[in-house]
Amino acid sequence: MQVSITSRHGSISQSTHDYMSQKVEKLLTYFGRVTSIGITVDFSNGKSTVEILVNTEHRHDLVAAETADEATVAFDLALHKMEQQVRKYKEKIQDHRGPSLSEIPVAE
């Protein structure tokens, strides 16, 4: 899995970079078919906007964005949104077949 972290209109420290890459690895525990993760940190007007883009197999992209005063706070909020999206996507993939015919009750 490839993780890329970029910043616009500013820079992030190495410790913040390491923190983000370490936390985003946790997404693999929810869904193992992630091909790449892109994190964009935008510093503008005294606020930090973090956007997380997750590419999965089958060309499905998940996007979560948050804005806060600090980059780490915005990242944590966006990561929480992304975790929910990944869980929902995994359930959608696993439950696409529906119940088997033996589980459907027969009306008499």
PDB file of N, CA and C in Angstrom:
ATOM      1  N   MET A   1       0.848  -1.171   0.000  1.00  0.00           N
ATOM      2  CA  MET A   1       0.000   0.000   0.000  1.00  0.00           C
ATOM      3  C   MET A   1       0.895   1.235   0.000  1.00  0.00           C
ATOM      4  N   GLN A   2       0.495   2.208  -0.759  1.00  0.00           N
ATOM      5  CA  GLN A   2       1.271   3.427  -0.910  1.00  0.00           C
ATOM      6  C   GLN A   2       0.561   4.567  -0.185  1.00  0.00           C
ATOM      7  N   VAL A   3       1.314   5.295   0.668  1.00  0.00           N
ATOM      8  CA  VAL A   3       0.772   6.443   1.398  1.00  0.00           C
ATOM      9  C   VAL A   3       1.538   7.680   0.957  1.00  0.00           C
ATOM     10  N   SER A   4       0.812   8.699   0.474  1.00  0.00           N
ATOM     11  CA  SER A   4       1.460   9.951   0.095  1.00  0.00           C
ATOM     12  C   SER A   4       0.825  11.087   0.883  1.00  0.00           C
ATOM     13  N   ILE A   5       1.673  11.917   1.473  1.00  0.00           N
ATOM     14  CA  ILE A   5       1.220  13.053   2.265  1.00  0.00           C
ATOM     15  C   ILE A   5       1.794  14.309   1.633  1.00  0.00           C
ATOM     16  N   THR A   6       0.909  15.232   1.233  1.00  0.00           N
ATOM     17  CA  THR A   6       1.342  16.487   0.629  1.00  0.00           C
ATOM     18  C   THR A   6       0.734  17.648   1.396  1.00  0.00           C
ATOM     19  N   SER A   7       1.406  18.789   1.318  1.00  0.00           N
ATOM     20  CA  SER A   7       0.882  19.988   1.985  1.00  0.00           C
ATOM     21  C   SER A   7       0.870  21.143   0.995  1.00  0.00           C
ATOM     22  N   ARG A   8      -0.130  21.995   1.143  1.00  0.00           N
ATOM     23  CA  ARG A   8      -0.265  23.180   0.301  1.00  0.00           C
ATOM     24  C   ARG A   8      -0.194  24.409   1.183  1.00  0.00           C
ATOM     25  N   HIS A   9       0.466  25.434   0.708  1.00  0.00           N
ATOM     26  CA  HIS A   9       0.556  26.733   1.373  1.00  0.00           C
ATOM     27  C   HIS A   9       1.182  26.629   2.759  1.00  0.00           C
ATOM     28  N   GLY A  10       2.097  25.723   2.936  1.00  0.00           N
ATOM     29  CA  GLY A  10       2.769  25.556   4.222  1.00  0.00           C
ATOM     30  C   GLY A  10       3.464  24.209   4.252  1.00  0.00           C
ATOM     31  N   SER A  11       3.984  23.872   5.412  1.00  0.00           N
ATOM     32  CA  SER A  11       4.650  22.582   5.545  1.00  0.00           C
ATOM     33  C   SER A  11       4.262  21.950   6.876  1.00  0.00           C
ATOM     34  N   ILE A  12       4.398  20.640   6.931  1.00  0.00           N
ATOM     35  CA  ILE A  12       4.120  19.923   8.166  1.00  0.00           C
ATOM     36  C   ILE A  12       5.428  19.367   8.708  1.00  0.00           C
ATOM     37  N   SER A  13       5.486  19.216  10.014  1.00  0.00           N
ATOM     38  CA  SER A  13       6.705  18.718  10.639  1.00  0.00           C
ATOM     39  C   SER A  13       6.840  17.217  10.398  1.00  0.00           C
ATOM     40  N   GLN A  14       8.037  16.718  10.628  1.00  0.00           N
ATOM     41  CA  GLN A  14       8.284  15.288  10.438  1.00  0.00           C
ATOM     42  C   GLN A  14       7.475  14.459  11.431  1.00  0.00           C
ATOM     43  N   SER A  15       7.306  14.977  12.657  1.00  0.00           N
ATOM     44  CA  SER A  15       6.528  14.231  13.651  1.00  0.00           C
ATOM     45  C   SER A  15       5.056  14.142  13.238  1.00  0.00           C
ATOM     46  N   THR A  16       4.512  15.218  12.661  1.00  0.00           N
ATOM     47  CA  THR A  16       3.131  15.192  12.176  1.00  0.00           C
ATOM     48  C   THR A  16       3.006  14.244  10.992  1.00  0.00           C
ATOM     49  N   HIS A  17       4.000  14.246  10.139  1.00  0.00           N
ATOM     50  CA  HIS A  17       4.018  13.340   8.987  1.00  0.00           C
ATOM     51  C   HIS A  17       4.014  11.888   9.464  1.00  0.00           C
ATOM     52  N   ASP A  18       4.853  11.574  10.438  1.00  0.00           N
ATOM     53  CA  ASP A  18       4.912  10.218  10.972  1.00  0.00           C
ATOM     54  C   ASP A  18       3.611   9.835  11.669  1.00  0.00           C
ATOM     55  N   TYR A  19       3.028  10.792  12.399  1.00  0.00           N
ATOM     56  CA  TYR A  19       1.764  10.552  13.097  1.00  0.00           C
ATOM     57  C   TYR A  19       0.662  10.201  12.103  1.00  0.00           C
ATOM     58  N   MET A  20       0.578  10.961  11.021  1.00  0.00           N
ATOM     59  CA  MET A  20      -0.460  10.717  10.021  1.00  0.00           C
ATOM     60  C   MET A  20      -0.268   9.376   9.326  1.00  0.00           C
ATOM     61  N   SER A  21       0.955   9.068   8.946  1.00  0.00           N
ATOM     62  CA  SER A  21       1.188   7.807   8.237  1.00  0.00           C
ATOM     63  C   SER A  21       0.953   6.607   9.150  1.00  0.00           C
ATOM     64  N   GLN A  22       1.263   6.751  10.431  1.00  0.00           N
ATOM     65  CA  GLN A  22       1.040   5.658  11.376  1.00  0.00           C
ATOM     66  C   GLN A  22      -0.454   5.428  11.608  1.00  0.00           C
ATOM     67  N   LYS A  23      -1.213   6.505  11.773  1.00  0.00           N
ATOM     68  CA  LYS A  23      -2.646   6.382  12.041  1.00  0.00           C
ATOM     69  C   LYS A  23      -3.416   5.867  10.824  1.00  0.00           C
ATOM     70  N   VAL A  24      -2.988   6.263   9.643  1.00  0.00           N
ATOM     71  CA  VAL A  24      -3.715   5.874   8.435  1.00  0.00           C
ATOM     72  C   VAL A  24      -3.499   4.385   8.118  1.00  0.00           C
ATOM     73  N   GLU A  25      -2.439   3.798   8.629  1.00  0.00           N
ATOM     74  CA  GLU A  25      -2.204   2.367   8.445  1.00  0.00           C
ATOM     75  C   GLU A  25      -3.306   1.544   9.107  1.00  0.00           C
ATOM     76  N   LYS A  26      -3.989   2.129  10.084  1.00  0.00           N
ATOM     77  CA  LYS A  26      -5.051   1.437  10.800  1.00  0.00           C
ATOM     78  C   LYS A  26      -6.232   1.114   9.885  1.00  0.00           C
ATOM     79  N   LEU A  27      -6.362   1.828   8.782  1.00  0.00           N
ATOM     80  CA  LEU A  27      -7.454   1.559   7.846  1.00  0.00           C
ATOM     81  C   LEU A  27      -7.364   0.158   7.254  1.00  0.00           C
ATOM     82  N   LEU A  28      -6.156  -0.392   7.197  1.00  0.00           N
ATOM     83  CA  LEU A  28      -5.991  -1.737   6.655  1.00  0.00           C
ATOM     84  C   LEU A  28      -6.618  -2.792   7.549  1.00  0.00           C
ATOM     85  N   THR A  29      -6.764  -2.503   8.847  1.00  0.00           N
ATOM     86  CA  THR A  29      -7.405  -3.472   9.729  1.00  0.00           C
ATOM     87  C   THR A  29      -8.893  -3.584   9.428  1.00  0.00           C
ATOM     88  N   TYR A  30      -9.490  -2.513   8.909  1.00  0.00           N
ATOM     89  CA  TYR A  30     -10.904  -2.532   8.570  1.00  0.00           C
ATOM     90  C   TYR A  30     -11.149  -3.142   7.202  1.00  0.00           C
ATOM     91  N   PHE A  31     -10.257  -2.863   6.268  1.00  0.00           N
ATOM     92  CA  PHE A  31     -10.442  -3.322   4.892  1.00  0.00           C
ATOM     93  C   PHE A  31      -9.072  -3.505   4.263  1.00  0.00           C
ATOM     94  N   GLY A  32      -8.728  -4.731   3.921  1.00  0.00           N
ATOM     95  CA  GLY A  32      -7.391  -5.041   3.442  1.00  0.00           C
ATOM     96  C   GLY A  32      -7.141  -4.765   1.975  1.00  0.00           C
ATOM     97  N   ARG A  33      -8.159  -4.391   1.217  1.00  0.00           N
ATOM     98  CA  ARG A  33      -7.992  -4.199  -0.224  1.00  0.00           C
ATOM     99  C   ARG A  33      -7.779  -2.738  -0.609  1.00  0.00           C
ATOM    100  N   VAL A  34      -7.062  -2.011   0.222  1.00  0.00           N
ATOM    101  CA  VAL A  34      -6.734  -0.615  -0.068  1.00  0.00           C
ATOM    102  C   VAL A  34      -5.456  -0.595  -0.895  1.00  0.00           C
ATOM    103  N   THR A  35      -5.477   0.091  -2.024  1.00  0.00           N
ATOM    104  CA  THR A  35      -4.298   0.130  -2.884  1.00  0.00           C
ATOM    105  C   THR A  35      -3.416   1.338  -2.598  1.00  0.00           C
ATOM    106  N   SER A  36      -4.017   2.505  -2.335  1.00  0.00           N
ATOM    107  CA  SER A  36      -3.217   3.687  -2.020  1.00  0.00           C
ATOM    108  C   SER A  36      -4.040   4.668  -1.198  1.00  0.00           C
ATOM    109  N   ILE A  37      -3.315   5.481  -0.425  1.00  0.00           N
ATOM    110  CA  ILE A  37      -3.943   6.501   0.408  1.00  0.00           C
ATOM    111  C   ILE A  37      -3.215   7.813   0.163  1.00  0.00           C
ATOM    112  N   GLY A  38      -3.970   8.858  -0.102  1.00  0.00           N
ATOM    113  CA  GLY A  38      -3.403  10.187  -0.289  1.00  0.00           C
ATOM    114  C   GLY A  38      -3.955  11.144   0.751  1.00  0.00           C
ATOM    115  N   ILE A  39      -3.068  11.862   1.410  1.00  0.00           N
ATOM    116  CA  ILE A  39      -3.467  12.842   2.418  1.00  0.00           C
ATOM    117  C   ILE A  39      -2.974  14.200   1.949  1.00  0.00           C
ATOM    118  N   THR A  40      -3.884  15.166   1.873  1.00  0.00           N
ATOM    119  CA  THR A  40      -3.538  16.524   1.474  1.00  0.00           C
ATOM    120  C   THR A  40      -3.881  17.463   2.613  1.00  0.00           C
ATOM    121  N   VAL A  41      -2.884  18.236   3.054  1.00  0.00           N
ATOM    122  CA  VAL A  41      -3.075  19.215   4.123  1.00  0.00           C
ATOM    123  C   VAL A  41      -2.960  20.594   3.496  1.00  0.00           C
ATOM    124  N   ASP A  42      -4.012  21.399   3.626  1.00  0.00           N
ATOM    125  CA  ASP A  42      -4.054  22.735   3.042  1.00  0.00           C
ATOM    126  C   ASP A  42      -4.134  23.760   4.167  1.00  0.00           C
ATOM    127  N   PHE A  43      -3.139  24.640   4.225  1.00  0.00           N
ATOM    128  CA  PHE A  43      -3.114  25.707   5.224  1.00  0.00           C
ATOM    129  C   PHE A  43      -3.577  26.997   4.554  1.00  0.00           C
ATOM    130  N   SER A  44      -4.738  27.515   4.954  1.00  0.00           N
ATOM    131  CA  SER A  44      -5.212  28.774   4.398  1.00  0.00           C
ATOM    132  C   SER A  44      -6.107  29.469   5.409  1.00  0.00           C
ATOM    133  N   ASN A  45      -5.963  30.782   5.492  1.00  0.00           N
ATOM    134  CA  ASN A  45      -6.762  31.629   6.377  1.00  0.00           C
ATOM    135  C   ASN A  45      -6.685  31.204   7.842  1.00  0.00           C
ATOM    136  N   GLY A  46      -5.539  30.723   8.282  1.00  0.00           N
ATOM    137  CA  GLY A  46      -5.368  30.322   9.668  1.00  0.00           C
ATOM    138  C   GLY A  46      -6.015  29.001  10.023  1.00  0.00           C
ATOM    139  N   LYS A  47      -6.548  28.310   9.055  1.00  0.00           N
ATOM    140  CA  LYS A  47      -7.198  27.015   9.285  1.00  0.00           C
ATOM    141  C   LYS A  47      -6.474  25.942   8.480  1.00  0.00           C
ATOM    142  N   SER A  48      -6.620  24.721   8.940  1.00  0.00           N
ATOM    143  CA  SER A  48      -6.035  23.581   8.243  1.00  0.00           C
ATOM    144  C   SER A  48      -7.148  22.691   7.722  1.00  0.00           C
ATOM    145  N   THR A  49      -7.092  22.395   6.449  1.00  0.00           N
ATOM    146  CA  THR A  49      -8.050  21.486   5.837  1.00  0.00           C
ATOM    147  C   THR A  49      -7.309  20.219   5.443  1.00  0.00           C
ATOM    148  N   VAL A  50      -7.798  19.093   5.921  1.00  0.00           N
ATOM    149  CA  VAL A  50      -7.184  17.805   5.617  1.00  0.00           C
ATOM    150  C   VAL A  50      -8.159  16.995   4.783  1.00  0.00           C
ATOM    151  N   GLU A  51      -7.657  16.467   3.678  1.00  0.00           N
ATOM    152  CA  GLU A  51      -8.458  15.619   2.803  1.00  0.00           C
ATOM    153  C   GLU A  51      -7.765  14.274   2.684  1.00  0.00           C
ATOM    154  N   ILE A  52      -8.510  13.211   2.928  1.00  0.00           N
ATOM    155  CA  ILE A  52      -7.979  11.857   2.822  1.00  0.00           C
ATOM    156  C   ILE A  52      -8.677  11.176   1.652  1.00  0.00           C
ATOM    157  N   LEU A  53      -7.887  10.658   0.726  1.00  0.00           N
ATOM    158  CA  LEU A  53      -8.400   9.948  -0.444  1.00  0.00           C
ATOM    159  C   LEU A  53      -7.898   8.509  -0.382  1.00  0.00           C
ATOM    160  N   VAL A  54      -8.816   7.559  -0.343  1.00  0.00           N
ATOM    161  CA  VAL A  54      -8.467   6.142  -0.277  1.00  0.00           C
ATOM    162  C   VAL A  54      -8.903   5.478  -1.573  1.00  0.00           C
ATOM    163  N   ASN A  55      -7.954   4.868  -2.257  1.00  0.00           N
ATOM    164  CA  ASN A  55      -8.243   4.110  -3.475  1.00  0.00           C
ATOM    165  C   ASN A  55      -8.292   2.635  -3.106  1.00  0.00           C
ATOM    166  N   THR A  56      -9.376   1.974  -3.484  1.00  0.00           N
ATOM    167  CA  THR A  56      -9.523   0.554  -3.202  1.00  0.00           C
ATOM    168  C   THR A  56      -9.517  -0.217  -4.509  1.00  0.00           C
ATOM    169  N   GLU A  57      -9.522  -1.535  -4.376  1.00  0.00           N
ATOM    170  CA  GLU A  57      -9.642  -2.356  -5.573  1.00  0.00           C
ATOM    171  C   GLU A  57     -10.981  -2.081  -6.231  1.00  0.00           C
ATOM    172  N   HIS A  58     -11.100  -2.450  -7.453  1.00  0.00           N
ATOM    173  CA  HIS A  58     -12.315  -2.252  -8.240  1.00  0.00           C
ATOM    174  C   HIS A  58     -12.567  -0.775  -8.516  1.00  0.00           C
ATOM    175  N   ARG A  59     -11.528   0.049  -8.451  1.00  0.00           N
ATOM    176  CA  ARG A  59     -11.580   1.472  -8.819  1.00  0.00           C
ATOM    177  C   ARG A  59     -12.620   2.264  -8.043  1.00  0.00           C
ATOM    178  N   HIS A  60     -12.742   1.984  -6.786  1.00  0.00           N
ATOM    179  CA  HIS A  60     -13.673   2.729  -5.943  1.00  0.00           C
ATOM    180  C   HIS A  60     -12.862   3.676  -5.061  1.00  0.00           C
ATOM    181  N   ASP A  61     -13.217   4.963  -5.061  1.00  0.00           N
ATOM    182  CA  ASP A  61     -12.500   5.965  -4.285  1.00  0.00           C
ATOM    183  C   ASP A  61     -13.374   6.450  -3.137  1.00  0.00           C
ATOM    184  N   LEU A  62     -12.761   6.590  -1.969  1.00  0.00           N
ATOM    185  CA  LEU A  62     -13.435   7.127  -0.796  1.00  0.00           C
ATOM    186  C   LEU A  62     -12.739   8.423  -0.415  1.00  0.00           C
ATOM    187  N   VAL A  63     -13.512   9.472  -0.112  1.00  0.00           N
ATOM    188  CA  VAL A  63     -12.951  10.784   0.199  1.00  0.00           C
ATOM    189  C   VAL A  63     -13.574  11.300   1.484  1.00  0.00           C
ATOM    190  N   ALA A  64     -12.712  11.838   2.369  1.00  0.00           N
ATOM    191  CA  ALA A  64     -13.184  12.490   3.592  1.00  0.00           C
ATOM    192  C   ALA A  64     -12.351  13.748   3.796  1.00  0.00           C
ATOM    193  N   ALA A  65     -13.001  14.851   4.163  1.00  0.00           N
ATOM    194  CA  ALA A  65     -12.305  16.119   4.376  1.00  0.00           C
ATOM    195  C   ALA A  65     -12.841  16.785   5.632  1.00  0.00           C
ATOM    196  N   GLU A  66     -11.952  17.474   6.344  1.00  0.00           N
ATOM    197  CA  GLU A  66     -12.326  18.207   7.557  1.00  0.00           C
ATOM    198  C   GLU A  66     -11.465  19.451   7.671  1.00  0.00           C
ATOM    199  N   THR A  67     -12.000  20.470   8.342  1.00  0.00           N
ATOM    200  CA  THR A  67     -11.288  21.721   8.577  1.00  0.00           C
ATOM    201  C   THR A  67     -11.271  22.001  10.067  1.00  0.00           C
ATOM    202  N   ALA A  68     -10.103  22.418  10.574  1.00  0.00           N
ATOM    203  CA  ALA A  68      -9.955  22.763  11.988  1.00  0.00           C
ATOM    204  C   ALA A  68      -8.798  23.746  12.121  1.00  0.00           C
ATOM    205  N   ASP A  69      -8.584  24.228  13.347  1.00  0.00           N
ATOM    206  CA  ASP A  69      -7.503  25.179  13.587  1.00  0.00           C
ATOM    207  C   ASP A  69      -6.128  24.529  13.467  1.00  0.00           C
ATOM    208  N   GLU A  70      -6.012  23.263  13.854  1.00  0.00           N
ATOM    209  CA  GLU A  70      -4.738  22.554  13.791  1.00  0.00           C
ATOM    210  C   GLU A  70      -4.848  21.389  12.812  1.00  0.00           C
ATOM    211  N   ALA A  71      -3.729  21.060  12.190  1.00  0.00           N
ATOM    212  CA  ALA A  71      -3.729  20.004  11.178  1.00  0.00           C
ATOM    213  C   ALA A  71      -4.007  18.640  11.791  1.00  0.00           C
ATOM    214  N   THR A  72      -3.470  18.370  12.976  1.00  0.00           N
ATOM    215  CA  THR A  72      -3.680  17.056  13.581  1.00  0.00           C
ATOM    216  C   THR A  72      -5.135  16.852  13.993  1.00  0.00           C
ATOM    217  N   VAL A  73      -5.785  17.914  14.455  1.00  0.00           N
ATOM    218  CA  VAL A  73      -7.202  17.814  14.832  1.00  0.00           C
ATOM    219  C   VAL A  73      -8.053  17.553  13.593  1.00  0.00           C
ATOM    220  N   ALA A  74      -7.786  18.289  12.527  1.00  0.00           N
ATOM    221  CA  ALA A  74      -8.525  18.082  11.279  1.00  0.00           C
ATOM    222  C   ALA A  74      -8.274  16.678  10.732  1.00  0.00           C
ATOM    223  N   PHE A  75      -7.041  16.201  10.862  1.00  0.00           N
ATOM    224  CA  PHE A  75      -6.716  14.853  10.400  1.00  0.00           C
ATOM    225  C   PHE A  75      -7.487  13.799  11.184  1.00  0.00           C
ATOM    226  N   ASP A  76      -7.531  13.934  12.509  1.00  0.00           N
ATOM    227  CA  ASP A  76      -8.252  12.961  13.332  1.00  0.00           C
ATOM    228  C   ASP A  76      -9.738  12.925  12.985  1.00  0.00           C
ATOM    229  N   LEU A  77     -10.331  14.095  12.754  1.00  0.00           N
ATOM    230  CA  LEU A  77     -11.746  14.154  12.385  1.00  0.00           C
ATOM    231  C   LEU A  77     -11.991  13.514  11.015  1.00  0.00           C
ATOM    232  N   ALA A  78     -11.111  13.805  10.060  1.00  0.00           N
ATOM    233  CA  ALA A  78     -11.252  13.223   8.721  1.00  0.00           C
ATOM    234  C   ALA A  78     -11.010  11.712   8.757  1.00  0.00           C
ATOM    235  N   LEU A  79     -10.080  11.272   9.594  1.00  0.00           N
ATOM    236  CA  LEU A  79      -9.802   9.840   9.704  1.00  0.00           C
ATOM    237  C   LEU A  79     -11.004   9.098  10.282  1.00  0.00           C
ATOM    238  N   HIS A  80     -11.682   9.716  11.233  1.00  0.00           N
ATOM    239  CA  HIS A  80     -12.886   9.101  11.798  1.00  0.00           C
ATOM    240  C   HIS A  80     -13.959   8.932  10.719  1.00  0.00           C
ATOM    241  N   LYS A  81     -14.141   9.953   9.893  1.00  0.00           N
ATOM    242  CA  LYS A  81     -15.094   9.856   8.784  1.00  0.00           C
ATOM    243  C   LYS A  81     -14.690   8.750   7.810  1.00  0.00           C
ATOM    244  N   MET A  82     -13.389   8.667   7.534  1.00  0.00           N
ATOM    245  CA  MET A  82     -12.904   7.670   6.587  1.00  0.00           C
ATOM    246  C   MET A  82     -13.100   6.257   7.130  1.00  0.00           C
ATOM    247  N   GLU A  83     -12.882   6.059   8.428  1.00  0.00           N
ATOM    248  CA  GLU A  83     -13.095   4.742   9.024  1.00  0.00           C
ATOM    249  C   GLU A  83     -14.543   4.304   8.851  1.00  0.00           C
ATOM    250  N   GLN A  84     -15.478   5.226   9.040  1.00  0.00           N
ATOM    251  CA  GLN A  84     -16.890   4.903   8.863  1.00  0.00           C
ATOM    252  C   GLN A  84     -17.190   4.545   7.411  1.00  0.00           C
ATOM    253  N   GLN A  85     -16.611   5.280   6.474  1.00  0.00           N
ATOM    254  CA  GLN A  85     -16.843   5.006   5.056  1.00  0.00           C
ATOM    255  C   GLN A  85     -16.275   3.647   4.652  1.00  0.00           C
ATOM    256  N   VAL A  86     -15.078   3.325   5.170  1.00  0.00           N
ATOM    257  CA  VAL A  86     -14.444   2.055   4.826  1.00  0.00           C
ATOM    258  C   VAL A  86     -15.263   0.894   5.382  1.00  0.00           C
ATOM    259  N   ARG A  87     -15.734   1.020   6.617  1.00  0.00           N
ATOM    260  CA  ARG A  87     -16.574  -0.034   7.196  1.00  0.00           C
ATOM    261  C   ARG A  87     -17.851  -0.227   6.380  1.00  0.00           C
ATOM    262  N   LYS A  88     -18.486   0.867   5.992  1.00  0.00           N
ATOM    263  CA  LYS A  88     -19.725   0.790   5.216  1.00  0.00           C
ATOM    264  C   LYS A  88     -19.467   0.159   3.848  1.00  0.00           C
ATOM    265  N   TYR A  89     -18.370   0.516   3.213  1.00  0.00           N
ATOM    266  CA  TYR A  89     -18.030  -0.042   1.909  1.00  0.00           C
ATOM    267  C   TYR A  89     -17.768  -1.541   2.011  1.00  0.00           C
ATOM    268  N   LYS A  90     -17.069  -1.960   3.076  1.00  0.00           N
ATOM    269  CA  LYS A  90     -16.785  -3.382   3.266  1.00  0.00           C
ATOM    270  C   LYS A  90     -18.079  -4.165   3.477  1.00  0.00           C
ATOM    271  N   GLU A  91     -18.992  -3.632   4.286  1.00  0.00           N
ATOM    272  CA  GLU A  91     -20.277  -4.297   4.499  1.00  0.00           C
ATOM    273  C   GLU A  91     -21.074  -4.383   3.201  1.00  0.00           C
ATOM    274  N   LYS A  92     -21.006  -3.342   2.397  1.00  0.00           N
ATOM    275  CA  LYS A  92     -21.726  -3.325   1.122  1.00  0.00           C
ATOM    276  C   LYS A  92     -21.194  -4.416   0.194  1.00  0.00           C
ATOM    277  N   ILE A  93     -19.896  -4.598   0.174  1.00  0.00           N
ATOM    278  CA  ILE A  93     -19.301  -5.619  -0.680  1.00  0.00           C
ATOM    279  C   ILE A  93     -19.665  -7.013  -0.183  1.00  0.00           C
ATOM    280  N   GLN A  94     -19.609  -7.223   1.123  1.00  0.00           N
ATOM    281  CA  GLN A  94     -19.872  -8.549   1.675  1.00  0.00           C
ATOM    282  C   GLN A  94     -21.346  -8.927   1.616  1.00  0.00           C
ATOM    283  N   ASP A  95     -22.247  -7.964   1.721  1.00  0.00           N
ATOM    284  CA  ASP A  95     -23.673  -8.247   1.771  1.00  0.00           C
ATOM    285  C   ASP A  95     -24.375  -8.053   0.434  1.00  0.00           C
ATOM    286  N   HIS A  96     -23.654  -8.050  -0.661  1.00  0.00           N
ATOM    287  CA  HIS A  96     -24.283  -7.740  -1.940  1.00  0.00           C
ATOM    288  C   HIS A  96     -25.160  -8.864  -2.473  1.00  0.00           C
ATOM    289  N   ARG A  97     -24.998 -10.047  -1.958  1.00  0.00           N
ATOM    290  CA  ARG A  97     -25.760 -11.170  -2.491  1.00  0.00           C
ATOM    291  C   ARG A  97     -27.150 -11.283  -1.876  1.00  0.00           C
ATOM    292  N   GLY A  98     -27.332 -10.848  -0.660  1.00  0.00           N
ATOM    293  CA  GLY A  98     -28.627 -10.975  -0.001  1.00  0.00           C
ATOM    294  C   GLY A  98     -28.770 -12.338   0.648  1.00  0.00           C
ATOM    295  N   PRO A  99     -29.905 -12.597   1.253  1.00  0.00           N
ATOM    296  CA  PRO A  99     -30.096 -13.881   1.939  1.00  0.00           C
ATOM    297  C   PRO A  99     -30.291 -15.018   0.941  1.00  0.00           C
ATOM    298  N   SER A 100     -29.950 -16.223   1.387  1.00  0.00           N
ATOM    299  CA  SER A 100     -30.149 -17.382   0.524  1.00  0.00           C
ATOM    300  C   SER A 100     -31.627 -17.746   0.495  1.00  0.00           C
ATOM    301  N   LEU A 101     -32.008 -18.547  -0.441  1.00  0.00           N
ATOM    302  CA  LEU A 101     -33.414 -18.920  -0.588  1.00  0.00           C
ATOM    303  C   LEU A 101     -33.920 -19.718   0.606  1.00  0.00           C
ATOM    304  N   SER A 102     -33.043 -20.461   1.261  1.00  0.00           N
ATOM    305  CA  SER A 102     -33.474 -21.245   2.419  1.00  0.00           C
ATOM    306  C   SER A 102     -33.768 -20.353   3.626  1.00  0.00           C
ATOM    307  N   GLU A 103     -33.233 -19.134   3.656  1.00  0.00           N
ATOM    308  CA  GLU A 103     -33.459 -18.232   4.778  1.00  0.00           C
ATOM    309  C   GLU A 103     -34.707 -17.376   4.602  1.00  0.00           C
ATOM    310  N   ILE A 104     -35.253 -17.295   3.413  1.00  0.00           N
ATOM    311  CA  ILE A 104     -36.428 -16.468   3.158  1.00  0.00           C
ATOM    312  C   ILE A 104     -37.674 -17.227   3.606  1.00  0.00           C
ATOM    313  N   PRO A 105     -38.510 -16.605   4.460  1.00  0.00           N
ATOM    314  CA  PRO A 105     -39.718 -17.305   4.913  1.00  0.00           C
ATOM    315  C   PRO A 105     -40.733 -17.439   3.767  1.00  0.00           C
ATOM    316  N   VAL A 106     -41.437 -18.537   3.773  1.00  0.00           N
ATOM    317  CA  VAL A 106     -42.422 -18.816   2.735  1.00  0.00           C
ATOM    318  C   VAL A 106     -43.798 -18.421   3.254  1.00  0.00           C
ATOM    319  N   ALA A 107     -44.526 -17.623   2.500  1.00  0.00           N
ATOM    320  CA  ALA A 107     -45.876 -17.217   2.881  1.00  0.00           C
ATOM    321  C   ALA A 107     -46.860 -18.315   2.498  1.00  0.00           C
ATOM    322  N   GLU A 108     -47.672 -18.716   3.446  1.00  0.00           N
ATOM    323  CA  GLU A 108     -48.638 -19.795   3.170  1.00  0.00           C
ATOM    324  C   GLU A 108     -50.037 -19.273   3.087  1.00  0.00           C
TER     325      GLU A 108
END
